[in-house]
Amino acid sequence: MSPFLWIAIAALALVIFLFMGKEKPLLQAIGQTKASGDIAPILSAIGPDKEADPTLWDMAINALWQAHAREAAADLIVVSIEKNDADVLHFWAQKVMEVEPEIARERFSEDFLKNKFRPEGASCCGKCGCG
């Protein structure tokens, strides 16, 4: 093998290691939330210093959604939109309203829907992401 290939492999391994190390607390928190339904571990793992990163919110909501922890996902959506106005978060709120309307009625207050939720933000997103 050429030295360039070894360097590329080493660089890729380093990036994966650093990414997994950064996300490990969030992944553990997602597991705790799946088991308990309490979103506090995720909020703690994201923390105020990373609230501006919509990718972390999206990753956590998606993991809960896929695990059918939909009530916890809805609770996390409400908190995330209060802290970050990214379109992808509004997409998730819309998805809850479409797929799980009973959960949406329970978890999304009238105030949230009137003053925080942006349908136009939700409509910017689809299967290929937001944009």
Protein backbone atom coordinates (compact mmCIF):
# COMPACT_ATOMS: atom_id res chain seq x y z
CA MET A 1 0.00 0.00 0.00
CA SER A 2 1.10 3.50 -0.72
CA PRO A 3 1.96 5.84 2.15
CA PHE A 4 -0.82 8.20 1.03
CA LEU A 5 -3.42 5.48 1.51
CA TRP A 6 -2.14 4.81 5.03
CA ILE A 7 -2.25 8.51 5.83
CA ALA A 8 -5.83 8.73 4.52
CA ILE A 9 -6.89 5.71 6.59
CA ALA A 10 -5.24 7.15 9.71
CA ALA A 11 -6.88 10.55 9.15
CA LEU A 12 -10.30 8.94 8.69
CA ALA A 13 -9.85 6.86 11.85
CA LEU A 14 -8.88 9.99 13.79
CA VAL A 15 -11.95 11.90 12.56
CA ILE A 16 -14.24 9.00 13.48
CA PHE A 17 -12.60 8.68 16.91
CA LEU A 18 -12.95 12.40 17.63
CA PHE A 19 -16.55 12.52 16.41
CA MET A 20 -17.58 9.49 18.45
CA GLY A 21 -15.84 10.87 21.51
CA LYS A 22 -17.69 14.17 21.17
CA GLU A 23 -21.08 12.51 20.68
CA LYS A 24 -20.72 9.71 23.22
CA PRO A 25 -22.39 11.63 26.10
CA LEU A 26 -25.33 12.48 23.84
CA LEU A 27 -25.66 8.87 22.67
CA GLN A 28 -25.67 7.69 26.30
CA ALA A 29 -28.26 10.34 27.17
CA ILE A 30 -30.47 9.23 24.28
CA GLY A 31 -30.32 5.67 25.63
CA GLN A 32 -31.33 6.89 29.08
CA THR A 33 -34.22 8.89 27.63
CA LYS A 34 -35.43 5.93 25.58
CA ALA A 35 -35.55 3.85 28.76
CA SER A 36 -37.13 6.45 31.04
CA GLY A 37 -39.01 8.90 28.81
CA ASP A 38 -37.29 11.77 30.66
CA ILE A 39 -35.52 14.21 28.32
CA ALA A 40 -33.35 15.72 31.09
CA PRO A 41 -30.29 13.57 30.20
CA ILE A 42 -30.40 14.82 26.60
CA LEU A 43 -30.78 18.44 27.69
CA SER A 44 -27.82 18.00 29.99
CA ALA A 45 -25.70 16.35 27.28
CA ILE A 46 -26.45 19.07 24.74
CA GLY A 47 -26.02 21.81 27.33
CA PRO A 48 -26.07 25.56 26.73
CA ASP A 49 -22.75 25.60 24.87
CA LYS A 50 -24.08 23.33 22.06
CA GLU A 51 -27.70 24.52 21.84
CA ALA A 52 -26.95 26.40 18.61
CA ASP A 53 -26.11 23.16 16.78
CA PRO A 54 -29.35 21.90 15.19
CA THR A 55 -27.62 18.67 14.19
CA LEU A 56 -27.47 17.54 17.81
CA TRP A 57 -31.16 18.27 18.36
CA ASP A 58 -32.06 16.53 15.10
CA MET A 59 -29.96 13.49 15.97
CA ALA A 60 -31.57 13.13 19.39
CA ILE A 61 -35.13 13.66 18.12
CA ASN A 62 -34.61 11.23 15.25
CA ALA A 63 -33.21 8.55 17.57
CA LEU A 64 -36.20 8.89 19.90
CA TRP A 65 -38.62 8.89 16.97
CA GLN A 66 -37.08 5.76 15.44
CA ALA A 67 -37.22 4.02 18.83
CA HIS A 68 -40.94 4.90 19.09
CA ALA A 69 -40.28 7.08 22.14
CA ARG A 70 -42.51 9.61 20.46
CA GLU A 71 -43.79 11.38 23.58
CA ALA A 72 -40.20 12.08 24.60
CA ALA A 73 -39.40 13.18 21.04
CA ALA A 74 -42.31 15.64 21.14
CA ASP A 75 -41.18 17.00 24.51
CA LEU A 76 -37.67 17.44 23.13
CA ILE A 77 -39.02 19.22 20.04
CA VAL A 78 -40.78 21.80 22.20
CA VAL A 79 -37.63 22.51 24.21
CA SER A 80 -35.38 22.50 21.15
CA ILE A 81 -37.50 25.06 19.28
CA GLU A 82 -37.38 27.32 22.33
CA LYS A 83 -33.57 27.17 22.21
CA ASN A 84 -32.93 26.94 18.46
CA ASP A 85 -35.13 28.07 15.57
CA ALA A 86 -33.67 25.73 12.91
CA ASP A 87 -36.04 24.59 10.16
CA VAL A 88 -35.35 20.93 10.87
CA LEU A 89 -36.86 21.29 14.34
CA HIS A 90 -40.05 22.72 12.87
CA PHE A 91 -40.04 19.81 10.42
CA TRP A 92 -40.08 17.42 13.39
CA ALA A 93 -42.97 19.29 15.00
CA GLN A 94 -44.92 19.02 11.75
CA LYS A 95 -44.11 15.32 11.53
CA VAL A 96 -45.50 14.72 15.03
CA MET A 97 -48.68 16.57 14.10
CA GLU A 98 -49.09 14.49 10.94
CA VAL A 99 -48.09 11.04 12.22
CA GLU A 100 -48.99 11.21 15.92
CA PRO A 101 -51.78 13.80 16.21
CA GLU A 102 -52.82 12.62 19.67
CA ILE A 103 -49.30 13.11 21.01
CA ALA A 104 -49.18 16.53 19.33
CA ARG A 105 -52.43 17.54 21.04
CA GLU A 106 -51.04 16.40 24.40
CA ARG A 107 -47.55 17.87 24.07
CA PHE A 108 -47.86 20.98 21.88
CA SER A 109 -49.65 23.76 23.72
CA GLU A 110 -51.76 26.35 21.93
CA ASP A 111 -49.12 28.95 22.87
CA PHE A 112 -46.35 26.80 21.35
CA LEU A 113 -48.25 26.32 18.08
CA LYS A 114 -49.24 29.98 17.85
CA ASN A 115 -46.01 31.67 18.94
CA LYS A 116 -43.14 29.23 18.37
CA PHE A 117 -43.99 26.77 15.59
CA ARG A 118 -43.22 27.97 12.06
CA PRO A 119 -45.00 25.91 9.36
CA GLU A 120 -42.94 27.65 6.69
CA GLY A 121 -39.79 26.33 8.36
CA ALA A 122 -41.21 22.82 8.40
CA SER A 123 -42.09 23.00 4.72
CA CYS A 124 -38.45 23.70 3.82
CA CYS A 125 -37.46 20.19 4.86
CA GLY A 126 -38.04 16.80 3.31
CA LYS A 127 -36.43 13.42 2.74
CA CYS A 128 -33.24 15.06 1.49
CA GLY A 129 -32.87 17.45 4.41
CA CYS A 130 -33.53 21.13 4.88
CA GLY A 131 -32.56 23.94 2.65
